[in-house]
Amino acid sequence: VQLGESGGGLVQPGGSLRLSCAAATSGFTFSVYVVRWYRQAPGKERDWGARIGPPDTYIDYADAVRGRFTISEDNAKTTVYQQMDNLKPEDTAVYYCNANLASQYDYWGQGTQVTVSS
């Protein structure tokens, strides 16, 4: 299963972007998967920022994005979003979505670039 991210771009500090993650495979849903948004800045490790999924659509955020980023999914559970508000230059990174099921099924997207700069 190949995931695809979209919605990245160049934005000024304080601005907003909305990222989307969907599978290229027809009929795939995220229903049983934990979906996480990660990001990787140049020269740094890939870190997770937000997660959504079982149990009971549990949502959690890393401290660096809590209060500014919002993860959500559509009713059909075919697309996961990350709304990013009050963006800062330190949010500049390639953003990836990941879908994982019991560590046995682990799917990644190719990433989308987010650049926060004036």
C-alpha atoms as a PDB file:
ATOM      1  CA  VAL A   1       0.000   0.000   0.000  1.00  0.00           C
ATOM      2  CA  GLN A   2       1.445   3.344  -1.031  1.00  0.00           C
ATOM      3  CA  LEU A   3       0.358   6.435   0.828  1.00  0.00           C
ATOM      4  CA  GLY A   4       0.394   9.887  -0.698  1.00  0.00           C
ATOM      5  CA  GLU A   5       0.683  13.237   1.057  1.00  0.00           C
ATOM      6  CA  SER A   6      -0.384  16.580  -0.363  1.00  0.00           C
ATOM      7  CA  GLY A   7      -0.874  20.147   0.768  1.00  0.00           C
ATOM      8  CA  GLY A   8       2.672  21.214   1.506  1.00  0.00           C
ATOM      9  CA  GLY A   9       4.142  24.475   0.333  1.00  0.00           C
ATOM     10  CA  LEU A  10       5.716  27.762   1.317  1.00  0.00           C
ATOM     11  CA  VAL A  11       3.997  29.814   4.000  1.00  0.00           C
ATOM     12  CA  GLN A  12       4.919  32.815   6.095  1.00  0.00           C
ATOM     13  CA  PRO A  13       5.388  32.520   9.864  1.00  0.00           C
ATOM     14  CA  GLY A  14       2.017  32.560  11.562  1.00  0.00           C
ATOM     15  CA  GLY A  15       0.329  31.092   8.516  1.00  0.00           C
ATOM     16  CA  SER A  16      -1.564  27.840   8.049  1.00  0.00           C
ATOM     17  CA  LEU A  17      -1.448  24.774   5.858  1.00  0.00           C
ATOM     18  CA  ARG A  18      -3.569  21.650   5.653  1.00  0.00           C
ATOM     19  CA  LEU A  19      -1.897  18.377   4.765  1.00  0.00           C
ATOM     20  CA  SER A  20      -3.769  15.355   3.459  1.00  0.00           C
ATOM     21  CA  CYS A  21      -2.828  11.695   3.445  1.00  0.00           C
ATOM     22  CA  ALA A  22      -4.610   9.060   1.405  1.00  0.00           C
ATOM     23  CA  ALA A  23      -3.775   5.659  -0.017  1.00  0.00           C
ATOM     24  CA  ALA A  24      -3.249   5.161  -3.719  1.00  0.00           C
ATOM     25  CA  THR A  25      -4.766   1.687  -3.360  1.00  0.00           C
ATOM     26  CA  SER A  26      -8.451   1.586  -4.254  1.00  0.00           C
ATOM     27  CA  GLY A  27     -10.670   0.484  -1.387  1.00  0.00           C
ATOM     28  CA  PHE A  28      -8.061   0.957   1.337  1.00  0.00           C
ATOM     29  CA  THR A  29      -9.236   2.560   4.571  1.00  0.00           C
ATOM     30  CA  PHE A  30      -7.428   3.584   7.713  1.00  0.00           C
ATOM     31  CA  SER A  31     -10.105   2.014   9.945  1.00  0.00           C
ATOM     32  CA  VAL A  32      -7.833  -0.387  11.823  1.00  0.00           C
ATOM     33  CA  TYR A  33      -4.586   1.530  11.424  1.00  0.00           C
ATOM     34  CA  VAL A  34      -2.901   4.028  13.659  1.00  0.00           C
ATOM     35  CA  VAL A  35      -1.980   6.926  11.404  1.00  0.00           C
ATOM     36  CA  ARG A  36       0.807   9.273  12.392  1.00  0.00           C
ATOM     37  CA  TRP A  37       2.218  12.407  10.872  1.00  0.00           C
ATOM     38  CA  TYR A  38       5.982  12.608  11.078  1.00  0.00           C
ATOM     39  CA  ARG A  39       8.369  15.288   9.966  1.00  0.00           C
ATOM     40  CA  GLN A  40      12.046  15.406   9.177  1.00  0.00           C
ATOM     41  CA  ALA A  41      14.044  18.596   9.037  1.00  0.00           C
ATOM     42  CA  PRO A  42      17.418  18.718   7.257  1.00  0.00           C
ATOM     43  CA  GLY A  43      20.089  17.038   9.345  1.00  0.00           C
ATOM     44  CA  LYS A  44      17.614  15.846  11.956  1.00  0.00           C
ATOM     45  CA  GLU A  45      15.850  12.612  12.787  1.00  0.00           C
ATOM     46  CA  ARG A  46      12.296  11.901  11.710  1.00  0.00           C
ATOM     47  CA  ASP A  47       9.943  12.720  14.607  1.00  0.00           C
ATOM     48  CA  TRP A  48       6.264  12.067  15.002  1.00  0.00           C
ATOM     49  CA  GLY A  49       3.943  14.970  15.601  1.00  0.00           C
ATOM     50  CA  ALA A  50       0.379  13.665  15.720  1.00  0.00           C
ATOM     51  CA  ARG A  51      -1.467  10.378  15.760  1.00  0.00           C
ATOM     52  CA  ILE A  52      -5.027   9.199  15.259  1.00  0.00           C
ATOM     53  CA  GLY A  53      -6.530   5.761  15.354  1.00  0.00           C
ATOM     54  CA  PRO A  54      -7.501   2.878  17.591  1.00  0.00           C
ATOM     55  CA  PRO A  55      -8.516   2.631  20.292  1.00  0.00           C
ATOM     56  CA  ASP A  56     -11.635   4.752  19.822  1.00  0.00           C
ATOM     57  CA  THR A  57     -10.005   7.225  17.418  1.00  0.00           C
ATOM     58  CA  TYR A  58      -7.510   8.208  20.101  1.00  0.00           C
ATOM     59  CA  ILE A  59      -5.651  11.408  19.245  1.00  0.00           C
ATOM     60  CA  ASP A  60      -2.368  12.591  20.642  1.00  0.00           C
ATOM     61  CA  TYR A  61       0.271  15.186  19.814  1.00  0.00           C
ATOM     62  CA  ALA A  62       3.917  15.756  20.423  1.00  0.00           C
ATOM     63  CA  ASP A  63       4.651  18.740  22.640  1.00  0.00           C
ATOM     64  CA  ALA A  64       6.233  20.662  19.759  1.00  0.00           C
ATOM     65  CA  VAL A  65       2.931  20.848  17.849  1.00  0.00           C
ATOM     66  CA  ARG A  66       0.283  20.529  20.552  1.00  0.00           C
ATOM     67  CA  GLY A  67      -2.163  23.414  20.410  1.00  0.00           C
ATOM     68  CA  ARG A  68      -1.150  24.401  16.861  1.00  0.00           C
ATOM     69  CA  PHE A  69      -1.693  21.226  14.803  1.00  0.00           C
ATOM     70  CA  THR A  70      -4.937  19.279  14.535  1.00  0.00           C
ATOM     71  CA  ILE A  71      -5.183  15.758  13.144  1.00  0.00           C
ATOM     72  CA  SER A  72      -8.486  14.465  11.816  1.00  0.00           C
ATOM     73  CA  GLU A  73      -9.963  11.978   9.359  1.00  0.00           C
ATOM     74  CA  ASP A  74     -12.919  11.919   7.029  1.00  0.00           C
ATOM     75  CA  ASN A  75     -15.986   9.846   7.837  1.00  0.00           C
ATOM     76  CA  ALA A  76     -15.015   7.151   5.360  1.00  0.00           C
ATOM     77  CA  LYS A  77     -11.567   6.903   6.977  1.00  0.00           C
ATOM     78  CA  THR A  78      -9.887   7.142   3.606  1.00  0.00           C
ATOM     79  CA  THR A  79      -8.101  10.431   4.231  1.00  0.00           C
ATOM     80  CA  VAL A  80      -6.264  11.767   7.262  1.00  0.00           C
ATOM     81  CA  TYR A  81      -5.607  15.470   7.587  1.00  0.00           C
ATOM     82  CA  GLN A  82      -3.239  17.612   9.563  1.00  0.00           C
ATOM     83  CA  GLN A  83      -4.288  21.220   9.978  1.00  0.00           C
ATOM     84  CA  MET A  84      -1.249  23.294  10.888  1.00  0.00           C
ATOM     85  CA  ASP A  85      -1.809  26.762  12.308  1.00  0.00           C
ATOM     86  CA  ASN A  86       0.525  29.418  13.661  1.00  0.00           C
ATOM     87  CA  LEU A  87       3.394  27.884  11.745  1.00  0.00           C
ATOM     88  CA  LYS A  88       6.932  28.685  12.798  1.00  0.00           C
ATOM     89  CA  PRO A  89      10.217  28.546  10.885  1.00  0.00           C
ATOM     90  CA  GLU A  90      11.188  25.535  12.987  1.00  0.00           C
ATOM     91  CA  ASP A  91       8.238  23.654  11.502  1.00  0.00           C
ATOM     92  CA  THR A  92      10.079  23.591   8.177  1.00  0.00           C
ATOM     93  CA  ALA A  93      10.508  19.938   7.241  1.00  0.00           C
ATOM     94  CA  VAL A  94       9.377  17.165   4.962  1.00  0.00           C
ATOM     95  CA  TYR A  95       6.141  15.796   6.374  1.00  0.00           C
ATOM     96  CA  TYR A  96       5.289  12.122   6.055  1.00  0.00           C
ATOM     97  CA  CYS A  97       2.230  10.109   6.938  1.00  0.00           C
ATOM     98  CA  ASN A  98       2.514   6.577   8.252  1.00  0.00           C
ATOM     99  CA  ALA A  99      -0.117   3.895   8.752  1.00  0.00           C
ATOM    100  CA  ASN A 100       0.702   1.074  11.108  1.00  0.00           C
ATOM    101  CA  LEU A 101      -1.146  -2.017  12.241  1.00  0.00           C
ATOM    102  CA  ALA A 102       0.314  -4.017  15.089  1.00  0.00           C
ATOM    103  CA  SER A 103       3.796  -3.348  13.695  1.00  0.00           C
ATOM    104  CA  GLN A 104       3.113  -5.941  11.018  1.00  0.00           C
ATOM    105  CA  TYR A 105       1.805  -3.599   8.375  1.00  0.00           C
ATOM    106  CA  ASP A 106       3.690  -0.363   8.061  1.00  0.00           C
ATOM    107  CA  TYR A 107       3.101   2.023   5.169  1.00  0.00           C
ATOM    108  CA  TRP A 108       4.699   5.360   4.348  1.00  0.00           C
ATOM    109  CA  GLY A 109       4.139   8.164   1.922  1.00  0.00           C
ATOM    110  CA  GLN A 110       6.796   9.921  -0.106  1.00  0.00           C
ATOM    111  CA  GLY A 111       6.543  13.117   1.914  1.00  0.00           C
ATOM    112  CA  THR A 112       5.530  16.690   1.228  1.00  0.00           C
ATOM    113  CA  GLN A 113       7.730  19.721   1.816  1.00  0.00           C
ATOM    114  CA  VAL A 114       6.597  22.428   4.213  1.00  0.00           C
ATOM    115  CA  THR A 115       8.664  25.592   4.311  1.00  0.00           C
ATOM    116  CA  VAL A 116       7.917  28.376   6.773  1.00  0.00           C
ATOM    117  CA  SER A 117       9.769  31.516   5.860  1.00  0.00           C
ATOM    118  CA  SER A 118       9.233  35.215   5.388  1.00  0.00           C
END
